[in-house]
Amino acid sequence: MLLVYDLSGGTFDTALMQKTNDGFKYLATPVAGYNDSTGPGVYGKSTSGAAGYFDGNVVVTGDITLTNADFAEDFEITCLEEVEPGTVMVLNQEGVLEPSRQAYDKRVAGVISGAGFYTIESIYRRQ
């Protein structure tokens, strides 16, 4: 095995490689860290599997941008039968989601999406 690193041009690039009869093959997707104040701090790319994995806490001090994607968390819902796509949901005092029942509610957590054939009911039926 061979660990390759490059500290030139204001970057820190690494790759884990193995020598084969045909040359070298990547054992780990290269990771590049840029510190030029214009590029990403860490960049990973994978054609198969995860491009990044963190074992432990991750701290973010700025915004998280999910390009062409949505973000969802798993919450308990008080009254599943009242929930349909487009329902505005709020967190109650117990931290459980329920439909909003008032205008300009400051507890809004999000809006229920139809997500194609994935519905709240189909998700709960699989659990």
N, C-alpha and C. Protein backbone atom coordinates (compact mmCIF):
# COMPACT_ATOMS: atom_id res chain seq x y z
N MET A 1 0.84 -1.18 0.00
CA MET A 1 0.00 0.00 0.00
C MET A 1 0.88 1.24 0.00
N LEU A 2 0.31 2.30 -0.51
CA LEU A 2 1.04 3.54 -0.64
C LEU A 2 0.11 4.70 -0.29
N LEU A 3 0.54 5.54 0.62
CA LEU A 3 -0.21 6.74 0.95
C LEU A 3 0.46 7.89 0.23
N VAL A 4 -0.28 8.54 -0.66
CA VAL A 4 0.25 9.64 -1.45
C VAL A 4 -0.34 10.94 -0.92
N TYR A 5 0.50 11.94 -0.74
CA TYR A 5 0.00 13.24 -0.33
C TYR A 5 0.73 14.33 -1.10
N ASP A 6 0.04 15.43 -1.29
CA ASP A 6 0.57 16.55 -2.06
C ASP A 6 0.27 17.82 -1.28
N LEU A 7 1.30 18.56 -0.97
CA LEU A 7 1.16 19.80 -0.20
C LEU A 7 1.51 21.02 -1.05
N SER A 8 1.12 21.02 -2.29
CA SER A 8 1.51 22.14 -3.15
C SER A 8 0.31 22.99 -3.52
N GLY A 9 0.56 24.21 -3.91
CA GLY A 9 -0.48 25.10 -4.41
C GLY A 9 -1.55 25.45 -3.39
N GLY A 10 -1.23 25.41 -2.11
CA GLY A 10 -2.21 25.75 -1.09
C GLY A 10 -3.23 24.66 -0.83
N THR A 11 -2.93 23.43 -1.24
CA THR A 11 -3.86 22.32 -1.02
C THR A 11 -3.18 21.22 -0.23
N PHE A 12 -4.00 20.34 0.32
CA PHE A 12 -3.51 19.11 0.95
C PHE A 12 -4.33 17.99 0.36
N ASP A 13 -3.73 17.20 -0.54
CA ASP A 13 -4.43 16.14 -1.23
C ASP A 13 -3.87 14.80 -0.79
N THR A 14 -4.74 13.80 -0.60
CA THR A 14 -4.28 12.48 -0.19
C THR A 14 -4.98 11.40 -1.01
N ALA A 15 -4.32 10.25 -1.11
CA ALA A 15 -4.90 9.07 -1.75
C ALA A 15 -4.20 7.83 -1.21
N LEU A 16 -4.97 6.77 -0.98
CA LEU A 16 -4.42 5.50 -0.56
C LEU A 16 -4.46 4.58 -1.77
N MET A 17 -3.26 4.07 -2.17
CA MET A 17 -3.17 3.30 -3.40
C MET A 17 -2.46 1.97 -3.15
N GLN A 18 -2.63 1.03 -4.09
CA GLN A 18 -1.96 -0.25 -4.02
C GLN A 18 -1.35 -0.54 -5.38
N LYS A 19 -0.09 -1.04 -5.39
CA LYS A 19 0.58 -1.39 -6.64
C LYS A 19 0.02 -2.72 -7.14
N THR A 20 -0.31 -2.76 -8.41
CA THR A 20 -0.81 -3.99 -9.05
C THR A 20 0.08 -4.30 -10.24
N ASN A 21 -0.16 -5.41 -10.91
CA ASN A 21 0.60 -5.76 -12.11
C ASN A 21 0.39 -4.75 -13.23
N ASP A 22 -0.77 -4.10 -13.22
CA ASP A 22 -1.09 -3.13 -14.28
C ASP A 22 -0.76 -1.70 -13.89
N GLY A 23 -0.23 -1.47 -12.73
CA GLY A 23 0.07 -0.10 -12.28
C GLY A 23 -0.37 0.09 -10.85
N PHE A 24 -1.23 1.08 -10.60
CA PHE A 24 -1.74 1.35 -9.26
C PHE A 24 -3.26 1.42 -9.29
N LYS A 25 -3.88 1.05 -8.18
CA LYS A 25 -5.33 1.22 -8.06
C LYS A 25 -5.62 1.94 -6.75
N TYR A 26 -6.67 2.74 -6.75
CA TYR A 26 -7.09 3.47 -5.56
C TYR A 26 -7.76 2.52 -4.57
N LEU A 27 -7.33 2.55 -3.32
CA LEU A 27 -8.00 1.81 -2.26
C LEU A 27 -8.99 2.71 -1.54
N ALA A 28 -8.74 3.99 -1.56
CA ALA A 28 -9.62 4.98 -0.95
C ALA A 28 -9.73 6.15 -1.89
N THR A 29 -10.95 6.65 -2.03
CA THR A 29 -11.18 7.79 -2.89
C THR A 29 -10.34 8.96 -2.40
N PRO A 30 -9.65 9.64 -3.29
CA PRO A 30 -8.83 10.77 -2.86
C PRO A 30 -9.66 11.83 -2.14
N VAL A 31 -9.05 12.45 -1.17
CA VAL A 31 -9.66 13.56 -0.44
C VAL A 31 -8.76 14.77 -0.61
N ALA A 32 -9.35 15.89 -0.95
CA ALA A 32 -8.57 17.10 -1.15
C ALA A 32 -9.03 18.16 -0.17
N GLY A 33 -8.11 18.84 0.45
CA GLY A 33 -8.44 19.94 1.33
C GLY A 33 -7.87 21.23 0.76
N TYR A 34 -8.70 22.21 0.54
CA TYR A 34 -8.26 23.47 -0.05
C TYR A 34 -8.29 24.57 1.01
N ASN A 35 -7.30 25.40 1.02
CA ASN A 35 -7.28 26.50 1.97
C ASN A 35 -7.06 27.84 1.27
N ASP A 36 -7.50 27.96 0.03
CA ASP A 36 -7.29 29.19 -0.72
C ASP A 36 -8.44 30.18 -0.57
N SER A 37 -9.33 29.94 0.34
CA SER A 37 -10.48 30.78 0.67
C SER A 37 -11.51 30.88 -0.44
N THR A 38 -11.35 30.14 -1.53
CA THR A 38 -12.37 30.15 -2.57
C THR A 38 -12.95 28.77 -2.82
N GLY A 39 -12.22 27.72 -2.52
CA GLY A 39 -12.69 26.36 -2.77
C GLY A 39 -13.20 25.71 -1.50
N PRO A 40 -13.67 24.48 -1.63
CA PRO A 40 -14.15 23.76 -0.45
C PRO A 40 -13.01 23.40 0.50
N GLY A 41 -13.32 23.29 1.78
CA GLY A 41 -12.31 22.87 2.75
C GLY A 41 -11.96 21.41 2.58
N VAL A 42 -12.95 20.58 2.26
CA VAL A 42 -12.73 19.16 2.00
C VAL A 42 -13.61 18.78 0.82
N TYR A 43 -13.05 18.03 -0.09
CA TYR A 43 -13.80 17.59 -1.27
C TYR A 43 -13.59 16.09 -1.44
N GLY A 44 -14.65 15.34 -1.58
CA GLY A 44 -14.54 13.91 -1.83
C GLY A 44 -15.45 13.53 -2.98
N LYS A 45 -15.00 12.59 -3.80
CA LYS A 45 -15.81 12.16 -4.93
C LYS A 45 -15.72 10.64 -5.02
N SER A 46 -16.85 10.02 -5.26
CA SER A 46 -16.88 8.56 -5.36
C SER A 46 -17.80 8.15 -6.49
N THR A 47 -17.38 7.17 -7.25
CA THR A 47 -18.25 6.63 -8.29
C THR A 47 -19.04 5.44 -7.77
N SER A 48 -18.65 4.95 -6.60
CA SER A 48 -19.42 3.87 -5.97
C SER A 48 -19.28 4.02 -4.46
N GLY A 49 -20.39 4.01 -3.76
CA GLY A 49 -20.35 4.16 -2.31
C GLY A 49 -20.35 5.62 -1.90
N ALA A 50 -20.15 5.83 -0.62
CA ALA A 50 -20.19 7.18 -0.05
C ALA A 50 -18.94 7.97 -0.43
N ALA A 51 -19.11 9.24 -0.70
CA ALA A 51 -17.97 10.11 -0.98
C ALA A 51 -17.35 10.62 0.31
N GLY A 52 -18.06 10.47 1.42
CA GLY A 52 -17.51 10.89 2.71
C GLY A 52 -18.12 10.10 3.84
N TYR A 53 -17.35 9.91 4.87
CA TYR A 53 -17.82 9.20 6.06
C TYR A 53 -17.16 9.85 7.26
N PHE A 54 -17.94 10.17 8.26
CA PHE A 54 -17.42 10.77 9.48
C PHE A 54 -17.80 9.86 10.64
N ASP A 55 -16.83 9.44 11.41
CA ASP A 55 -17.07 8.62 12.58
C ASP A 55 -16.95 9.52 13.80
N GLY A 56 -18.05 10.10 14.22
CA GLY A 56 -18.04 11.05 15.33
C GLY A 56 -18.87 12.27 14.98
N ASN A 57 -18.79 13.26 15.81
CA ASN A 57 -19.57 14.48 15.63
C ASN A 57 -19.03 15.33 14.49
N VAL A 58 -19.92 16.03 13.83
CA VAL A 58 -19.54 16.98 12.79
C VAL A 58 -20.12 18.32 13.19
N VAL A 59 -19.29 19.34 13.23
CA VAL A 59 -19.73 20.68 13.60
C VAL A 59 -19.76 21.55 12.35
N VAL A 60 -20.89 22.21 12.14
CA VAL A 60 -21.05 23.11 11.00
C VAL A 60 -21.32 24.49 11.54
N THR A 61 -20.51 25.46 11.15
CA THR A 61 -20.71 26.83 11.63
C THR A 61 -21.40 27.70 10.60
N GLY A 62 -21.58 27.19 9.40
CA GLY A 62 -22.27 27.94 8.35
C GLY A 62 -23.49 27.18 7.87
N ASP A 63 -23.99 27.53 6.70
CA ASP A 63 -25.16 26.88 6.12
C ASP A 63 -24.78 25.54 5.50
N ILE A 64 -25.76 24.64 5.42
CA ILE A 64 -25.60 23.38 4.70
C ILE A 64 -26.45 23.49 3.45
N THR A 65 -25.85 23.27 2.29
CA THR A 65 -26.56 23.34 1.03
C THR A 65 -26.66 21.94 0.45
N LEU A 66 -27.88 21.48 0.19
CA LEU A 66 -28.09 20.18 -0.44
C LEU A 66 -28.57 20.45 -1.86
N THR A 67 -27.66 20.39 -2.81
CA THR A 67 -27.97 20.70 -4.18
C THR A 67 -28.91 19.65 -4.76
N ASN A 68 -30.04 20.09 -5.28
CA ASN A 68 -31.06 19.21 -5.88
C ASN A 68 -31.51 18.10 -4.94
N ALA A 69 -31.62 18.41 -3.65
CA ALA A 69 -32.01 17.37 -2.69
C ALA A 69 -32.86 17.98 -1.58
N ASP A 70 -33.50 17.13 -0.84
CA ASP A 70 -34.28 17.51 0.32
C ASP A 70 -33.62 16.95 1.56
N PHE A 71 -34.01 17.47 2.69
CA PHE A 71 -33.49 16.98 3.97
C PHE A 71 -34.68 16.66 4.85
N ALA A 72 -34.64 15.55 5.51
CA ALA A 72 -35.76 15.16 6.36
C ALA A 72 -35.25 14.53 7.65
N GLU A 73 -36.00 14.70 8.70
CA GLU A 73 -35.71 14.06 9.97
C GLU A 73 -36.92 13.22 10.36
N ASP A 74 -36.68 12.24 11.19
CA ASP A 74 -37.75 11.36 11.65
C ASP A 74 -38.32 11.92 12.94
N PHE A 75 -39.61 12.26 12.92
CA PHE A 75 -40.31 12.80 14.09
C PHE A 75 -41.53 11.93 14.40
N GLU A 76 -41.91 11.91 15.65
CA GLU A 76 -43.20 11.33 16.00
C GLU A 76 -44.29 12.28 15.53
N ILE A 77 -45.44 11.73 15.15
CA ILE A 77 -46.58 12.53 14.71
C ILE A 77 -47.78 12.16 15.57
N THR A 78 -48.47 13.18 16.12
CA THR A 78 -49.57 12.93 17.05
C THR A 78 -50.78 12.28 16.40
N CYS A 79 -51.22 12.81 15.27
CA CYS A 79 -52.47 12.33 14.68
C CYS A 79 -52.23 12.04 13.20
N LEU A 80 -51.74 10.86 12.93
CA LEU A 80 -51.38 10.45 11.58
C LEU A 80 -52.54 10.55 10.59
N GLU A 81 -53.74 10.28 11.05
CA GLU A 81 -54.90 10.29 10.15
C GLU A 81 -55.21 11.68 9.59
N GLU A 82 -54.78 12.76 10.25
CA GLU A 82 -55.04 14.12 9.78
C GLU A 82 -53.98 14.61 8.81
N VAL A 83 -52.89 13.88 8.66
CA VAL A 83 -51.74 14.37 7.90
C VAL A 83 -51.82 13.90 6.45
N GLU A 84 -51.74 14.86 5.54
CA GLU A 84 -51.69 14.58 4.11
C GLU A 84 -50.72 15.56 3.47
N PRO A 85 -50.26 15.30 2.25
CA PRO A 85 -49.31 16.21 1.61
C PRO A 85 -49.81 17.66 1.63
N GLY A 86 -48.92 18.57 1.99
CA GLY A 86 -49.26 19.99 2.06
C GLY A 86 -49.61 20.46 3.46
N THR A 87 -49.74 19.54 4.42
CA THR A 87 -50.08 19.92 5.79
C THR A 87 -48.90 20.63 6.45
N VAL A 88 -49.15 21.79 7.03
CA VAL A 88 -48.11 22.52 7.76
C VAL A 88 -48.02 21.89 9.15
N MET A 89 -46.80 21.49 9.53
CA MET A 89 -46.60 20.78 10.80
C MET A 89 -45.83 21.66 11.78
N VAL A 90 -46.21 21.56 13.07
CA VAL A 90 -45.53 22.30 14.13
C VAL A 90 -45.06 21.32 15.20
N LEU A 91 -44.07 21.74 15.98
CA LEU A 91 -43.62 20.94 17.12
C LEU A 91 -44.39 21.37 18.35
N ASN A 92 -45.03 20.41 19.03
CA ASN A 92 -45.73 20.76 20.25
C ASN A 92 -44.75 20.77 21.43
N GLN A 93 -45.22 20.99 22.62
CA GLN A 93 -44.34 21.13 23.79
C GLN A 93 -43.60 19.85 24.13
N GLU A 94 -44.11 18.70 23.68
CA GLU A 94 -43.44 17.42 23.92
C GLU A 94 -42.43 17.09 22.81
N GLY A 95 -42.29 17.97 21.81
CA GLY A 95 -41.38 17.71 20.70
C GLY A 95 -41.95 16.77 19.66
N VAL A 96 -43.27 16.65 19.63
CA VAL A 96 -43.96 15.77 18.68
C VAL A 96 -44.64 16.65 17.63
N LEU A 97 -44.61 16.18 16.38
CA LEU A 97 -45.25 16.95 15.31
C LEU A 97 -46.75 16.81 15.34
N GLU A 98 -47.43 17.92 15.04
CA GLU A 98 -48.88 17.92 14.89
C GLU A 98 -49.24 18.98 13.86
N PRO A 99 -50.39 18.87 13.21
CA PRO A 99 -50.79 19.88 12.23
C PRO A 99 -50.96 21.24 12.91
N SER A 100 -50.56 22.30 12.20
CA SER A 100 -50.75 23.65 12.72
C SER A 100 -52.23 23.98 12.68
N ARG A 101 -52.70 24.65 13.71
CA ARG A 101 -54.11 25.00 13.79
C ARG A 101 -54.33 26.51 13.86
N GLN A 102 -53.25 27.28 13.63
CA GLN A 102 -53.40 28.74 13.69
C GLN A 102 -52.53 29.40 12.63
N ALA A 103 -52.96 30.57 12.19
CA ALA A 103 -52.19 31.34 11.21
C ALA A 103 -50.94 31.92 11.86
N TYR A 104 -49.88 32.06 11.09
CA TYR A 104 -48.62 32.66 11.54
C TYR A 104 -48.04 31.95 12.76
N ASP A 105 -48.17 30.64 12.79
CA ASP A 105 -47.66 29.84 13.91
C ASP A 105 -46.13 29.85 13.88
N LYS A 106 -45.50 30.26 14.97
CA LYS A 106 -44.04 30.37 15.04
C LYS A 106 -43.36 29.05 15.39
N ARG A 107 -44.13 27.99 15.53
CA ARG A 107 -43.56 26.67 15.86
C ARG A 107 -43.41 25.77 14.63
N VAL A 108 -43.57 26.32 13.42
CA VAL A 108 -43.57 25.51 12.21
C VAL A 108 -42.24 24.77 12.05
N ALA A 109 -42.35 23.45 11.82
CA ALA A 109 -41.17 22.62 11.59
C ALA A 109 -41.03 22.30 10.10
N GLY A 110 -42.13 22.32 9.37
CA GLY A 110 -42.07 22.02 7.94
C GLY A 110 -43.44 21.69 7.37
N VAL A 111 -43.42 21.26 6.12
CA VAL A 111 -44.64 20.91 5.41
C VAL A 111 -44.51 19.48 4.94
N ILE A 112 -45.58 18.71 5.09
CA ILE A 112 -45.56 17.31 4.65
C ILE A 112 -45.56 17.26 3.13
N SER A 113 -44.63 16.50 2.58
CA SER A 113 -44.50 16.33 1.14
C SER A 113 -45.14 15.02 0.72
N GLY A 114 -45.59 14.96 -0.51
CA GLY A 114 -46.15 13.72 -1.03
C GLY A 114 -45.07 12.72 -1.38
N ALA A 115 -43.90 13.19 -1.81
CA ALA A 115 -42.74 12.37 -2.11
C ALA A 115 -43.08 11.20 -3.03
N GLY A 116 -43.85 11.48 -4.07
CA GLY A 116 -44.19 10.42 -5.01
C GLY A 116 -45.00 9.34 -4.32
N PHE A 117 -44.55 8.08 -4.43
CA PHE A 117 -45.29 6.99 -3.80
C PHE A 117 -44.91 6.81 -2.34
N TYR A 118 -43.93 7.59 -1.82
CA TYR A 118 -43.60 7.54 -0.40
C TYR A 118 -44.51 8.48 0.35
N THR A 119 -45.41 7.94 1.12
CA THR A 119 -46.29 8.76 1.93
C THR A 119 -46.01 8.46 3.39
N ILE A 120 -46.50 9.30 4.28
CA ILE A 120 -46.33 9.08 5.71
C ILE A 120 -46.88 7.71 6.09
N GLU A 121 -48.05 7.37 5.57
CA GLU A 121 -48.66 6.09 5.92
C GLU A 121 -47.82 4.92 5.44
N SER A 122 -47.28 4.99 4.21
CA SER A 122 -46.48 3.86 3.71
C SER A 122 -45.19 3.71 4.49
N ILE A 123 -44.63 4.82 4.95
CA ILE A 123 -43.40 4.76 5.74
C ILE A 123 -43.69 4.11 7.08
N TYR A 124 -44.77 4.50 7.74
CA TYR A 124 -45.12 3.94 9.04
C TYR A 124 -45.55 2.48 8.94
N ARG A 125 -46.15 2.08 7.82
CA ARG A 125 -46.53 0.69 7.66
C ARG A 125 -45.32 -0.21 7.57
N ARG A 126 -44.19 0.30 7.03
CA ARG A 126 -42.96 -0.50 6.88
C ARG A 126 -42.23 -0.66 8.20
N GLN A 127 -42.52 0.16 9.20
CA GLN A 127 -41.78 0.09 10.47
C GLN A 127 -42.33 -0.96 11.38
